[in-house]
């Protein structure tokens, strides 16, 4: 659990306060309502004296008529004030939480691919849902409670000192002592709360993985193993939650006891003054009612402090993400890459993940409309190389040019609008087929969507669904076969109509029949586009204008199929491994 510098913490809390202050008018009105509630509460204690002295002891009929009417008005105002301040403070809280959620999601979407490789999906989901909800509780409920209780304490204190200032001084002696456990245990609550939130995030991540991979869990008979892992995580969370319960629960009974000492003294001292004739019963009971009413909001402040500490711990976790800087920077005045056919050039490119150099001295010139195939053993750097083109990562050294423009000087949006990608794992969303195809071109007409589906050989199977293009395909396209998913992805790339195309093993996970259809769709997709094709199956790259062989992040061979076979180098070895000697040269 990392400790943040005090200056950074102050900045974060200041940002939270700025969000709160943006709704200053509603806050001001809500505070006015809180003052009404506090004044009504204090007036209730104040009226105890005239009620007892004038009605019960002096038997004043006029006061008997007046005081009940006053009490009705007081409680009516108190009820209106309570509802209005509750509504306004919750409104402000919800607005702030909406802003925080939006800022958090906005930042996550802006962060590079490298960030998502380090962070767990479940943990990020927990930040947006669980952590932000804890902040909501702090802002909307806790702030409301603390302000209302503070105003009530001030009002009741005024009544107490007005009735008997000497007795009030003695009653207040215990308050500084009572606040010590609130402050001390509050620090512990924040520490434990951070641990609870981290454990909850880990649990969310675990659930996401095991639910998504449920087929593998069942196929390998690992249900018992995964149950044990889950039970271990819930046990760890239980222990942390119980530590939080101890830290939150102790201040209240301590304050209860100290409050009891103060009340006991008030009864002894006040009773002595009434018996000796130095005070009236009405004054004493009015004072006593105010003291009893006073200790309740003071005790509540300890619980409020616990909620604030939990909220601040959650705010730190949220701001950890919001303050994360992307290492993919855009120039202040970036160059706009114009639509059209593009030439892609790698000049002396090096690239590393952390300290591991995965690409070395890559020099490559791909003409507009050329199809370039990248082959080599797994881990050779093929995917890393193509991921540099849309700036999913930045080169460690050298440069990548599109039509002589260094892509680091180009607008990221204009760069990525020129690139379409079809990956080995089809990425689809739980939406309609129409919306999945139109994902990169949402203004496309129905006719263009249908043309893209036909070119991707997807139209016929789409027509077999009762709702056709309006069919919802389920999470990750669960209602479709592997070949159908891939053809939807190809239709999406066709509709985007980007001049640079990246095919990252787009047919490697398909059976022969599905691969044949997908291959035809890919041929339609590649027409006229500068294409980078990653393939393990060498039979699928016969159409490539040029082939490069990557070994340990370096280009070791380059040429056409026949030329590379004739060299009997790395490509020859790969081909021999897949087809054997009898297929070479065919």
Protein backbone atom coordinates (compact mmCIF):
# COMPACT_ATOMS: atom_id res chain seq x y z
CA UNK A 1 0.00 0.00 0.00
CA UNK A 2 1.80 3.12 -1.21
CA UNK A 3 2.04 6.34 0.79
CA UNK A 4 1.37 9.50 -1.19
CA UNK A 5 3.13 12.83 -0.61
CA UNK A 6 1.10 15.33 1.44
CA UNK A 7 1.17 17.88 -1.39
CA UNK A 8 -0.35 15.37 -3.82
CA UNK A 9 -3.07 14.43 -1.34
CA UNK A 10 -3.94 18.10 -0.80
CA UNK A 11 -4.19 18.63 -4.57
CA UNK A 12 -6.58 15.69 -4.89
CA UNK A 13 -8.81 16.87 -2.07
CA UNK A 14 -8.70 20.37 -3.50
CA UNK A 15 -9.93 18.97 -6.84
CA UNK A 16 -12.81 17.29 -5.02
CA UNK A 17 -13.68 20.57 -3.31
CA UNK A 18 -13.64 22.35 -6.69
CA UNK A 19 -16.19 19.84 -7.98
CA UNK A 20 -18.32 20.50 -4.90
CA UNK A 21 -18.01 24.29 -5.24
CA UNK A 22 -19.24 24.17 -8.85
CA UNK A 23 -22.69 23.56 -7.38
CA UNK A 24 -22.35 26.41 -4.88
CA UNK A 25 -25.90 27.80 -5.30
CA UNK A 26 -27.58 24.48 -4.50
CA UNK A 27 -25.10 23.97 -1.66
CA UNK A 28 -25.86 27.41 -0.27
CA UNK A 29 -29.59 26.75 -0.37
CA UNK A 30 -29.07 23.33 1.23
CA UNK A 31 -27.00 24.92 3.99
CA UNK A 32 -29.83 27.39 4.59
CA UNK A 33 -32.19 24.43 5.01
CA UNK A 34 -29.71 22.83 7.42
CA UNK A 35 -29.71 26.02 9.48
CA UNK A 36 -33.52 25.82 9.62
CA UNK A 37 -33.28 22.18 10.83
CA UNK A 38 -30.63 23.11 13.41
CA UNK A 39 -32.64 26.12 14.60
CA UNK A 40 -35.80 23.99 14.91
CA UNK A 41 -33.91 21.35 16.93
CA UNK A 42 -32.44 24.02 19.22
CA UNK A 43 -35.87 25.70 19.60
CA UNK A 44 -37.33 22.37 20.73
CA UNK A 45 -34.83 22.23 23.61
CA UNK A 46 -35.38 25.94 24.34
CA UNK A 47 -39.16 25.47 24.67
CA UNK A 48 -38.78 22.87 27.43
CA UNK A 49 -38.36 25.65 30.07
CA UNK A 50 -41.52 27.69 29.23
CA UNK A 51 -43.48 24.44 28.75
CA UNK A 52 -42.59 23.24 32.24
CA UNK A 53 -42.43 26.53 34.15
CA UNK A 54 -45.35 28.39 32.53
CA UNK A 55 -47.74 25.55 31.76
CA UNK A 56 -47.14 22.92 34.45
CA UNK A 57 -45.97 25.05 37.37
CA UNK A 58 -47.58 28.49 36.74
CA UNK A 59 -50.61 26.98 34.91
CA UNK A 60 -50.61 29.78 32.28
CA UNK A 61 -53.55 29.08 29.88
CA UNK A 62 -52.28 31.53 27.25
CA UNK A 63 -48.98 29.67 27.03
CA UNK A 64 -50.90 26.38 26.88
CA UNK A 65 -52.52 27.59 23.63
CA UNK A 66 -49.40 29.21 22.19
CA UNK A 67 -46.63 26.65 22.80
CA UNK A 68 -48.31 23.68 20.97
CA UNK A 69 -48.90 25.93 17.92
CA UNK A 70 -45.26 27.05 17.99
CA UNK A 71 -44.12 23.40 18.21
CA UNK A 72 -46.30 22.47 15.18
CA UNK A 73 -44.74 25.30 13.13
CA UNK A 74 -41.22 24.33 14.28
CA UNK A 75 -41.64 20.68 13.27
CA UNK A 76 -43.24 21.64 9.94
CA UNK A 77 -40.24 23.87 9.12
CA UNK A 78 -37.89 21.15 10.33
CA UNK A 79 -39.52 18.55 8.05
CA UNK A 80 -39.43 20.87 4.99
CA UNK A 81 -35.81 21.77 5.73
CA UNK A 82 -34.76 18.12 6.15
CA UNK A 83 -36.35 17.03 2.85
CA UNK A 84 -35.02 19.98 0.84
CA UNK A 85 -31.44 19.74 2.11
CA UNK A 86 -31.47 15.94 1.63
CA UNK A 87 -32.64 16.30 -1.98
CA UNK A 88 -30.21 19.11 -2.85
CA UNK A 89 -27.17 17.46 -1.24
CA UNK A 90 -27.91 14.15 -2.96
CA UNK A 91 -28.34 16.00 -6.25
CA UNK A 92 -24.95 17.65 -5.80
CA UNK A 93 -23.42 14.31 -4.78
CA UNK A 94 -24.81 12.52 -7.83
CA UNK A 95 -23.60 15.28 -10.18
CA UNK A 96 -20.09 15.06 -8.70
CA UNK A 97 -20.05 11.28 -8.98
CA UNK A 98 -21.23 11.46 -12.59
CA UNK A 99 -18.38 13.89 -13.31
CA UNK A 100 -15.84 11.66 -11.57
CA UNK A 101 -17.06 8.55 -13.41
CA UNK A 102 -16.93 10.40 -16.72
CA UNK A 103 -13.44 11.78 -15.99
CA UNK A 104 -12.26 8.32 -14.96
CA UNK A 105 -13.64 6.57 -18.04
CA UNK A 106 -12.39 9.40 -20.26
CA UNK A 107 -8.88 9.00 -18.86
CA UNK A 108 -8.94 5.19 -19.16
CA UNK A 109 -9.97 5.41 -22.81
CA UNK A 110 -7.14 7.87 -23.51
CA UNK A 111 -4.45 5.66 -21.96
CA UNK A 112 -2.24 3.53 -24.24
CA UNK A 113 -2.37 -0.24 -24.81
CA UNK A 114 0.59 -0.68 -22.43
CA UNK A 115 -1.58 0.53 -19.53
CA UNK A 116 -4.22 -2.15 -20.18
CA UNK A 117 -1.53 -4.83 -20.31
CA UNK A 118 -0.42 -3.88 -16.79
CA UNK A 119 -3.85 -3.31 -15.20
CA UNK A 120 -6.52 -5.95 -14.64
CA UNK A 121 -9.91 -5.37 -16.24
CA UNK A 122 -11.75 -6.24 -13.01
CA UNK A 123 -9.66 -3.75 -11.03
CA UNK A 124 -10.50 -0.94 -13.48
CA UNK A 125 -14.19 -1.88 -13.33
CA UNK A 126 -14.00 -1.75 -9.52
CA UNK A 127 -12.57 1.79 -9.64
CA UNK A 128 -15.50 3.02 -11.75
CA UNK A 129 -18.21 1.22 -9.79
CA UNK A 130 -17.21 0.36 -6.20
CA UNK A 131 -14.72 3.16 -5.44
CA UNK A 132 -16.82 5.91 -7.00
CA UNK A 133 -19.87 4.69 -5.06
CA UNK A 134 -17.93 5.08 -1.81
CA UNK A 135 -17.09 8.67 -2.79
CA UNK A 136 -20.78 9.22 -3.55
CA UNK A 137 -21.64 8.17 -0.01
CA UNK A 138 -19.05 10.59 1.35
CA UNK A 139 -20.16 13.56 -0.76
CA UNK A 140 -23.94 13.22 -0.71
CA UNK A 141 -24.70 11.58 2.64
CA UNK A 142 -21.71 12.28 4.85
CA UNK A 143 -21.23 15.94 3.95
CA UNK A 144 -24.96 16.48 4.49
CA UNK A 145 -24.83 14.77 7.88
CA UNK A 146 -21.70 16.55 9.05
CA UNK A 147 -22.94 20.04 8.12
CA UNK A 148 -26.38 19.41 9.65
CA UNK A 149 -24.82 18.01 12.84
CA UNK A 150 -22.36 20.92 13.09
CA UNK A 151 -25.18 23.48 12.79
CA UNK A 152 -27.23 21.54 15.34
CA UNK A 153 -24.28 21.44 17.75
CA UNK A 154 -23.83 25.23 17.40
CA UNK A 155 -27.54 25.89 18.00
CA UNK A 156 -27.80 23.58 21.01
CA UNK A 157 -24.57 24.97 22.45
CA UNK A 158 -26.15 28.42 22.32
CA UNK A 159 -29.18 27.14 24.26
CA UNK A 160 -26.95 25.46 26.86
CA UNK A 161 -24.83 28.55 27.49
CA UNK A 162 -27.91 30.77 27.54
CA UNK A 163 -29.57 28.62 30.21
CA UNK A 164 -26.54 28.17 32.51
CA UNK A 165 -23.06 29.04 31.28
CA UNK A 166 -21.25 27.64 34.34
CA UNK A 167 -22.91 24.26 34.01
CA UNK A 168 -22.27 24.40 30.23
CA UNK A 169 -18.51 24.82 30.78
CA UNK A 170 -18.44 21.64 32.88
CA UNK A 171 -20.56 19.76 30.33
CA UNK A 172 -18.11 20.70 27.56
CA UNK A 173 -14.95 19.59 29.39
CA UNK A 174 -15.39 16.02 28.09
CA UNK A 175 -15.80 17.05 24.41
CA UNK A 176 -12.06 17.48 23.55
CA UNK A 177 -11.39 14.08 25.15
CA UNK A 178 -14.31 12.58 23.22
CA UNK A 179 -12.97 13.83 19.87
CA UNK A 180 -9.55 12.20 20.35
CA UNK A 181 -10.72 8.65 19.47
CA UNK A 182 -12.61 10.06 16.48
CA UNK A 183 -9.41 11.50 14.98
CA UNK A 184 -7.17 8.58 15.97
CA UNK A 185 -9.46 5.81 14.74
CA UNK A 186 -10.26 7.82 11.61
CA UNK A 187 -6.65 7.42 10.42
CA UNK A 188 -6.91 3.66 10.95
CA UNK A 189 -10.23 3.53 9.05
CA UNK A 190 -8.62 5.14 5.99
CA UNK A 191 -5.74 2.64 5.97
CA UNK A 192 -8.00 -0.40 6.38
CA UNK A 193 -10.53 0.98 3.89
CA UNK A 194 -7.82 1.24 1.22
CA UNK A 195 -6.98 -2.42 1.85
CA UNK A 196 -10.67 -3.40 1.59
CA UNK A 197 -11.08 -1.51 -1.69
CA UNK A 198 -7.97 -3.16 -3.15
CA UNK A 199 -9.22 -6.60 -2.06
CA UNK A 200 -12.63 -5.88 -3.61
CA UNK A 201 -10.93 -4.86 -6.87
CA UNK A 202 -8.94 -8.12 -6.87
CA UNK A 203 -12.18 -10.02 -6.30
CA UNK A 204 -13.83 -8.23 -9.24
CA UNK A 205 -10.84 -9.08 -11.43
CA UNK A 206 -10.98 -12.73 -10.35
CA UNK A 207 -14.72 -12.94 -11.12
CA UNK A 208 -14.23 -11.35 -14.54
CA UNK A 209 -11.52 -13.87 -15.45
CA UNK A 210 -13.30 -16.99 -14.21
CA UNK A 211 -16.69 -16.06 -15.70
CA UNK A 212 -15.12 -15.19 -19.07
CA UNK A 213 -13.03 -18.39 -18.98
CA UNK A 214 -15.79 -20.63 -17.59
CA UNK A 215 -15.57 -23.03 -20.55
CA UNK A 216 -11.90 -23.73 -19.82
CA UNK A 217 -12.59 -24.10 -16.09
CA UNK A 218 -15.18 -26.79 -16.82
CA UNK A 219 -13.17 -28.45 -19.61
CA UNK A 220 -10.19 -28.98 -17.30
CA UNK A 221 -12.31 -29.87 -14.27
CA UNK A 222 -10.95 -26.95 -12.22
CA UNK A 223 -14.20 -25.96 -10.50
CA UNK A 224 -12.95 -27.07 -7.07
CA UNK A 225 -9.64 -25.20 -7.56
CA UNK A 226 -11.39 -21.97 -8.59
CA UNK A 227 -13.85 -22.29 -5.68
CA UNK A 228 -10.92 -22.56 -3.26
CA UNK A 229 -9.24 -19.50 -4.80
CA UNK A 230 -12.49 -17.55 -4.49
CA UNK A 231 -13.02 -18.67 -0.88
CA UNK A 232 -9.44 -17.59 -0.02
CA UNK A 233 -10.07 -14.15 -1.49
CA UNK A 234 -13.39 -13.72 0.34
CA UNK A 235 -11.69 -14.83 3.59
CA UNK A 236 -8.97 -12.19 3.11
CA UNK A 237 -11.67 -9.59 2.40
CA UNK A 238 -13.62 -10.73 5.49
CA UNK A 239 -10.54 -10.22 7.71
CA UNK A 240 -10.00 -6.72 6.34
CA UNK A 241 -13.69 -5.88 6.72
CA UNK A 242 -13.60 -7.01 10.37
CA UNK A 243 -10.56 -4.79 10.99
CA UNK A 244 -12.60 -1.94 9.49
CA UNK A 245 -15.55 -2.84 11.77
CA UNK A 246 -13.27 -2.62 14.85
CA UNK A 247 -11.81 0.72 13.74
CA UNK A 248 -15.28 2.13 13.00
CA UNK A 249 -17.08 0.73 16.05
CA UNK A 250 -14.71 1.66 18.90
CA UNK A 251 -15.07 5.48 18.81
CA UNK A 252 -18.84 5.39 19.38
CA UNK A 253 -18.88 3.43 22.69
CA UNK A 254 -15.91 5.49 23.97
CA UNK A 255 -17.84 8.68 23.22
CA UNK A 256 -20.96 7.10 24.73
CA UNK A 257 -19.14 6.54 28.02
CA UNK A 258 -17.59 10.02 28.07
CA UNK A 259 -20.98 11.52 27.24
CA UNK A 260 -22.46 9.58 30.16
CA UNK A 261 -19.87 11.14 32.50
CA UNK A 262 -20.89 14.62 31.32
CA UNK A 263 -24.61 13.91 31.72
CA UNK A 264 -24.07 12.40 35.18
CA UNK A 265 -22.28 15.58 36.25
CA UNK A 266 -25.05 17.78 34.78
CA UNK A 267 -27.73 15.86 36.73
CA UNK A 268 -25.73 16.10 39.96
CA UNK A 269 -24.83 19.80 39.61
CA UNK A 270 -28.15 20.93 38.08
CA UNK A 271 -30.20 18.93 40.58
CA UNK A 272 -28.24 20.49 43.44
CA UNK A 273 -29.01 24.02 42.09
CA UNK A 274 -32.75 23.26 41.78
CA UNK A 275 -32.91 21.78 45.30
CA UNK A 276 -31.00 24.75 46.74
CA UNK A 277 -33.39 27.17 44.97
CA UNK A 278 -30.77 28.74 42.66
CA UNK A 279 -32.48 27.42 39.52
CA UNK A 280 -35.90 26.27 38.31
CA UNK A 281 -36.94 22.80 37.17
CA UNK A 282 -37.78 24.26 33.75
CA UNK A 283 -34.29 25.70 33.35
CA UNK A 284 -32.73 22.40 34.41
CA UNK A 285 -34.84 20.24 32.06
CA UNK A 286 -34.33 22.67 29.18
CA UNK A 287 -30.59 22.49 29.79
CA UNK A 288 -30.75 18.70 30.13
CA UNK A 289 -32.76 18.28 26.93
CA UNK A 290 -30.22 20.41 25.02
CA UNK A 291 -27.29 18.36 26.45
CA UNK A 292 -28.96 15.05 25.52
CA UNK A 293 -29.76 16.38 22.06
CA UNK A 294 -26.19 17.68 21.73
CA UNK A 295 -24.43 14.40 22.42
CA UNK A 296 -26.31 12.64 19.62
CA UNK A 297 -24.88 14.77 16.74
CA UNK A 298 -21.46 14.68 18.41
CA UNK A 299 -21.58 10.87 18.36
CA UNK A 300 -22.76 10.92 14.76
CA UNK A 301 -19.68 12.94 13.80
CA UNK A 302 -17.52 9.91 14.64
CA UNK A 303 -19.44 7.83 12.07
CA UNK A 304 -19.29 10.74 9.64
CA UNK A 305 -15.53 10.81 10.06
CA UNK A 306 -15.36 7.08 9.24
CA UNK A 307 -17.30 7.64 6.02
CA UNK A 308 -15.07 10.60 5.11
CA UNK A 309 -11.93 8.49 5.63
CA UNK A 310 -13.36 5.70 3.44
CA UNK A 311 -14.32 8.25 0.79
CA UNK A 312 -10.87 9.86 0.81
CA UNK A 313 -9.24 6.42 0.43
CA UNK A 314 -11.54 5.72 -2.55
CA UNK A 315 -10.80 9.18 -4.01
CA UNK A 316 -7.08 8.41 -3.92
CA UNK A 317 -7.63 5.22 -5.91
CA UNK A 318 -9.78 7.06 -8.46
CA UNK A 319 -7.25 9.88 -8.84
CA UNK A 320 -4.44 7.33 -9.26
CA UNK A 321 -6.04 6.59 -12.64
CA UNK A 322 -7.21 10.12 -13.52
CA UNK A 323 -3.68 11.46 -12.94
CA UNK A 324 -2.00 8.71 -14.98
CA UNK A 325 -0.26 10.27 -17.96
CA UNK A 326 -0.25 8.63 -21.38
CA UNK A 327 3.20 8.07 -22.88
CA UNK A 328 1.70 8.47 -26.36
CA UNK A 329 1.89 12.26 -26.70
CA UNK A 330 0.42 14.41 -29.43
CA UNK A 331 2.10 17.57 -30.72
CA UNK A 332 0.48 20.94 -29.96
CA UNK A 333 -0.13 21.54 -33.67
CA UNK A 334 -0.12 18.06 -35.21
CA UNK A 335 -0.03 17.32 -38.92
CA UNK A 336 -3.30 15.99 -40.35
CA UNK A 337 -2.78 12.88 -42.49
CA UNK A 338 -5.08 13.23 -45.48
CA UNK A 339 -7.16 10.31 -46.79
CA UNK A 340 -5.68 8.44 -49.76
CA UNK A 341 -3.23 5.68 -50.63
CA UNK A 342 -0.21 5.72 -48.33
CA UNK A 343 3.39 4.59 -48.33
CA UNK A 344 4.72 3.34 -44.99
CA UNK A 345 8.44 3.52 -44.18
CA UNK A 346 10.37 2.20 -41.16
CA UNK A 347 13.74 3.90 -40.74
CA UNK A 348 16.20 2.23 -38.36
CA UNK A 349 13.42 1.40 -35.88
CA UNK A 350 14.11 -0.05 -32.44
CA UNK A 351 11.43 -0.92 -29.91
CA UNK A 352 11.45 -2.36 -26.39
CA UNK A 353 8.97 -3.35 -23.69
CA UNK A 354 10.49 -2.16 -20.39
CA UNK A 355 14.11 -3.35 -20.75
CA UNK A 356 13.45 -6.08 -23.30
CA UNK A 357 14.41 -5.00 -26.85
CA UNK A 358 11.94 -6.75 -29.19
CA UNK A 359 12.66 -4.96 -32.48
CA UNK A 360 16.12 -4.01 -33.73
CA UNK A 361 17.24 -1.99 -36.75
CA UNK A 362 14.03 -2.36 -38.77
CA UNK A 363 14.37 -0.75 -42.19
CA UNK A 364 11.35 -1.28 -44.38
CA UNK A 365 9.68 0.58 -47.24
CA UNK A 366 6.15 -0.52 -48.14
CA UNK A 367 4.71 1.04 -51.30
CA UNK A 368 1.11 2.28 -51.46
CA UNK A 369 -1.12 -0.69 -52.33
CA UNK A 370 1.59 -3.27 -51.63
CA UNK A 371 0.77 -6.43 -49.64
CA UNK A 372 3.57 -7.27 -47.22
CA UNK A 373 3.56 -10.58 -45.34
CA UNK A 374 5.38 -10.93 -42.00
CA UNK A 375 6.36 -14.46 -40.98
CA UNK A 376 8.55 -16.02 -38.32
CA UNK A 377 8.37 -18.02 -35.12
CA UNK A 378 6.24 -16.82 -32.20
CA UNK A 379 7.92 -14.03 -30.24
CA UNK A 380 9.82 -12.79 -33.26
CA UNK A 381 8.30 -9.29 -33.09
CA UNK A 382 5.68 -9.42 -35.88
CA UNK A 383 2.75 -8.06 -33.84
CA UNK A 384 4.99 -5.52 -32.11
CA UNK A 385 6.04 -4.18 -35.52
CA UNK A 386 2.50 -3.63 -36.81
CA UNK A 387 1.35 -2.18 -33.46
CA UNK A 388 3.78 0.69 -34.00
CA UNK A 389 1.96 1.87 -37.14
CA UNK A 390 -1.22 3.19 -35.39
CA UNK A 391 0.93 4.30 -32.43
CA UNK A 392 -0.38 1.76 -29.96
CA UNK A 393 3.24 2.08 -28.83
CA UNK A 394 5.98 4.53 -29.76
CA UNK A 395 9.32 3.53 -31.22
CA UNK A 396 12.25 3.51 -28.80
CA UNK A 397 14.53 4.78 -31.57
CA UNK A 398 14.27 5.57 -35.27
CA UNK A 399 11.07 6.71 -36.98
CA UNK A 400 8.03 5.51 -38.89
CA UNK A 401 6.88 7.65 -41.81
CA UNK A 402 3.59 7.76 -43.66
CA UNK A 403 4.18 9.62 -46.92
CA UNK A 404 7.31 11.22 -45.39
CA UNK A 405 5.38 12.37 -42.27
CA UNK A 406 6.79 11.12 -38.96
CA UNK A 407 3.72 9.58 -37.30
CA UNK A 408 4.76 11.17 -33.95
CA UNK A 409 4.13 14.56 -35.56
CA UNK A 410 0.72 13.53 -36.88
CA UNK A 411 -2.67 13.87 -35.22
CA UNK A 412 -3.43 10.55 -33.52
CA UNK A 413 -7.04 10.68 -34.74
CA UNK A 414 -6.06 11.35 -38.35
CA UNK A 415 -3.39 8.60 -38.17
CA UNK A 416 -5.72 5.93 -36.79
CA UNK A 417 -8.49 6.92 -39.18
CA UNK A 418 -6.14 5.70 -41.97
CA UNK A 419 -5.67 2.26 -40.39
CA UNK A 420 -8.03 -0.73 -40.16
CA UNK A 421 -7.20 -3.86 -38.16
CA UNK A 422 -8.50 -7.43 -38.21
CA UNK A 423 -7.03 -9.52 -35.39
CA UNK A 424 -6.82 -13.25 -34.65
CA UNK A 425 -9.41 -12.85 -31.85
CA UNK A 426 -12.51 -11.17 -33.30
CA UNK A 427 -13.47 -8.28 -31.00
CA UNK A 428 -17.22 -7.67 -31.14
CA UNK A 429 -19.63 -5.89 -28.81
CA UNK A 430 -22.93 -6.97 -27.26
CA UNK A 431 -24.91 -4.96 -29.79
CA UNK A 432 -26.65 -5.49 -33.12
CA UNK A 433 -24.86 -6.79 -36.20
CA UNK A 434 -25.56 -3.43 -37.87
CA UNK A 435 -23.88 -1.44 -35.10
CA UNK A 436 -20.90 -3.80 -34.97
CA UNK A 437 -20.29 -3.42 -38.71
CA UNK A 438 -20.77 0.37 -38.52
CA UNK A 439 -18.53 0.69 -35.44
CA UNK A 440 -15.84 2.69 -37.24
CA UNK A 441 -18.25 4.56 -39.52
CA UNK A 442 -21.43 5.27 -37.59
CA UNK A 443 -22.89 7.58 -40.23
CA UNK A 444 -22.83 4.86 -42.91
CA UNK A 445 -26.05 4.26 -44.81
CA UNK A 446 -27.92 0.94 -44.71
CA UNK A 447 -26.88 0.33 -48.31
CA UNK A 448 -23.17 0.72 -47.52
CA UNK A 449 -23.48 -1.56 -44.49
CA UNK A 450 -25.12 -4.23 -46.64
CA UNK A 451 -22.47 -3.82 -49.37
CA UNK A 452 -19.71 -4.27 -46.75
CA UNK A 453 -21.47 -7.40 -45.42
CA UNK A 454 -21.73 -8.84 -48.95
CA UNK A 455 -18.07 -8.12 -49.70
CA UNK A 456 -17.15 -9.84 -46.44
CA UNK A 457 -19.30 -12.89 -47.33
CA UNK A 458 -21.41 -12.20 -44.22
CA UNK A 459 -24.66 -11.11 -45.84
CA UNK A 460 -26.10 -14.61 -46.37
CA UNK A 461 -25.73 -15.83 -42.80
CA UNK A 462 -27.00 -12.46 -41.47
CA UNK A 463 -30.19 -12.94 -43.51
CA UNK A 464 -30.77 -16.29 -41.77
CA UNK A 465 -31.38 -14.54 -38.43
CA UNK A 466 -35.01 -13.50 -37.78
CA UNK A 467 -33.95 -9.91 -37.03
CA UNK A 468 -31.25 -9.89 -39.73
CA UNK A 469 -29.00 -6.83 -39.24
CA UNK A 470 -30.84 -5.91 -36.03
CA UNK A 471 -29.82 -9.19 -34.36
CA UNK A 472 -28.01 -8.72 -31.05
CA UNK A 473 -24.96 -11.00 -31.14
CA UNK A 474 -24.35 -11.40 -27.38
CA UNK A 475 -21.26 -10.74 -25.29
CA UNK A 476 -18.12 -10.98 -27.47
CA UNK A 477 -20.35 -12.20 -30.33
CA UNK A 478 -21.32 -15.38 -28.47
CA UNK A 479 -24.21 -16.16 -30.86
CA UNK A 480 -21.87 -16.40 -33.87
CA UNK A 481 -19.35 -19.03 -34.98
CA UNK A 482 -15.65 -18.18 -35.27
CA UNK A 483 -15.86 -17.69 -39.05
CA UNK A 484 -19.00 -15.56 -38.77
CA UNK A 485 -17.40 -13.32 -36.15
CA UNK A 486 -14.34 -12.83 -38.34
CA UNK A 487 -16.44 -11.93 -41.38
CA UNK A 488 -18.32 -9.32 -39.30
CA UNK A 489 -14.91 -7.87 -38.33
CA UNK A 490 -13.87 -7.83 -42.00
CA UNK A 491 -17.14 -6.07 -42.92
CA UNK A 492 -16.37 -3.50 -40.22
CA UNK A 493 -12.89 -2.91 -41.71
CA UNK A 494 -14.36 -2.69 -45.23
CA UNK A 495 -16.89 -0.08 -44.12
CA UNK A 496 -14.20 2.00 -42.45
CA UNK A 497 -12.42 1.99 -45.83
CA UNK A 498 -9.00 2.83 -44.37
CA UNK A 499 -6.09 2.82 -46.86
CA UNK A 500 -3.71 0.98 -44.49
CA UNK A 501 -4.73 -2.51 -43.40
CA UNK A 502 -3.27 -4.74 -40.68
CA UNK A 503 -4.24 -8.43 -40.65
CA UNK A 504 -2.89 -10.08 -37.51
CA UNK A 505 -3.30 -13.84 -38.09
CA UNK A 506 -6.90 -13.23 -39.14
CA UNK A 507 -7.49 -16.87 -40.23
CA UNK A 508 -5.28 -18.86 -37.86
CA UNK A 509 -8.07 -19.97 -35.49
CA UNK A 510 -10.55 -21.05 -38.21
CA UNK A 511 -11.37 -24.43 -39.71
CA UNK A 512 -10.76 -25.10 -43.42
CA UNK A 513 -14.29 -24.23 -44.60
CA UNK A 514 -14.50 -21.03 -42.55
CA UNK A 515 -10.96 -20.08 -43.57
CA UNK A 516 -11.85 -20.39 -47.25
CA UNK A 517 -14.75 -17.92 -46.92
CA UNK A 518 -12.77 -15.55 -44.72
CA UNK A 519 -9.84 -15.68 -47.16
CA UNK A 520 -12.15 -14.59 -50.00
CA UNK A 521 -13.46 -11.76 -47.82
CA UNK A 522 -9.90 -10.69 -47.00
CA UNK A 523 -9.00 -10.59 -50.70
CA UNK A 524 -11.84 -8.10 -51.21
CA UNK A 525 -10.62 -6.12 -48.19
CA UNK A 526 -6.99 -5.92 -49.37
CA UNK A 527 -7.71 -4.57 -52.84
CA UNK A 528 -5.84 -1.28 -53.34
CA UNK A 529 -4.75 -1.07 -49.68
CA UNK A 530 -1.27 -0.96 -48.17
CA UNK A 531 -1.50 -4.22 -46.25
CA UNK A 532 0.55 -5.83 -43.49
CA UNK A 533 -0.30 -9.51 -43.10
CA UNK A 534 0.93 -11.56 -40.13
CA UNK A 535 0.56 -15.27 -40.79
CA UNK A 536 1.69 -18.55 -39.28
CA UNK A 537 0.13 -20.57 -42.08
CA UNK A 538 2.39 -19.86 -45.04
CA UNK A 539 -0.31 -21.19 -47.42
CA UNK A 540 -2.41 -18.08 -46.70
CA UNK A 541 0.14 -15.53 -48.01
CA UNK A 542 0.54 -16.68 -51.61
CA UNK A 543 -0.97 -13.38 -52.75
CA UNK A 544 1.67 -11.24 -50.94
CA UNK A 545 3.84 -9.00 -53.12
CA UNK A 546 6.70 -9.41 -50.66
CA UNK A 547 7.51 -11.50 -47.58
CA UNK A 548 9.79 -10.58 -44.69
CA UNK A 549 11.05 -13.06 -42.10
CA UNK A 550 11.49 -11.78 -38.54
CA UNK A 551 13.78 -13.60 -36.10
CA UNK A 552 14.44 -12.20 -32.61
CA UNK A 553 13.14 -8.77 -33.67
CA UNK A 554 15.28 -8.46 -36.82
CA UNK A 555 14.50 -8.81 -40.52
CA UNK A 556 16.69 -11.71 -41.62
CA UNK A 557 15.16 -12.40 -45.05
CA UNK A 558 13.08 -10.49 -47.58
CA UNK A 559 11.67 -11.38 -50.97
CA UNK A 560 9.04 -13.36 -52.85
CA UNK A 561 8.06 -16.93 -51.98
CA UNK A 562 10.14 -18.61 -54.70
CA UNK A 563 13.18 -16.43 -53.96
CA UNK A 564 13.07 -17.25 -50.26
CA UNK A 565 12.64 -20.99 -50.89
CA UNK A 566 15.65 -20.89 -53.20
CA UNK A 567 17.78 -19.26 -50.46
CA UNK A 568 17.07 -22.24 -48.15
CA UNK A 569 17.25 -19.99 -45.08
CA UNK A 570 14.76 -19.25 -42.28
CA UNK A 571 11.72 -19.11 -44.58
CA UNK A 572 12.70 -22.45 -46.11
CA UNK A 573 12.86 -23.99 -42.61
CA UNK A 574 9.41 -22.64 -41.73
CA UNK A 575 7.93 -23.92 -44.97
CA UNK A 576 9.55 -27.33 -44.54
CA UNK A 577 8.16 -27.57 -40.98
CA UNK A 578 4.62 -26.98 -42.29
CA UNK A 579 4.59 -28.87 -45.57
CA UNK A 580 7.63 -31.16 -45.77
CA UNK A 581 10.07 -31.60 -48.66
CA UNK A 582 7.44 -32.88 -51.11
CA UNK A 583 5.57 -29.52 -51.16
CA UNK A 584 8.57 -27.21 -51.68
CA UNK A 585 8.46 -25.36 -54.93
CA UNK A 586 4.79 -26.09 -55.56
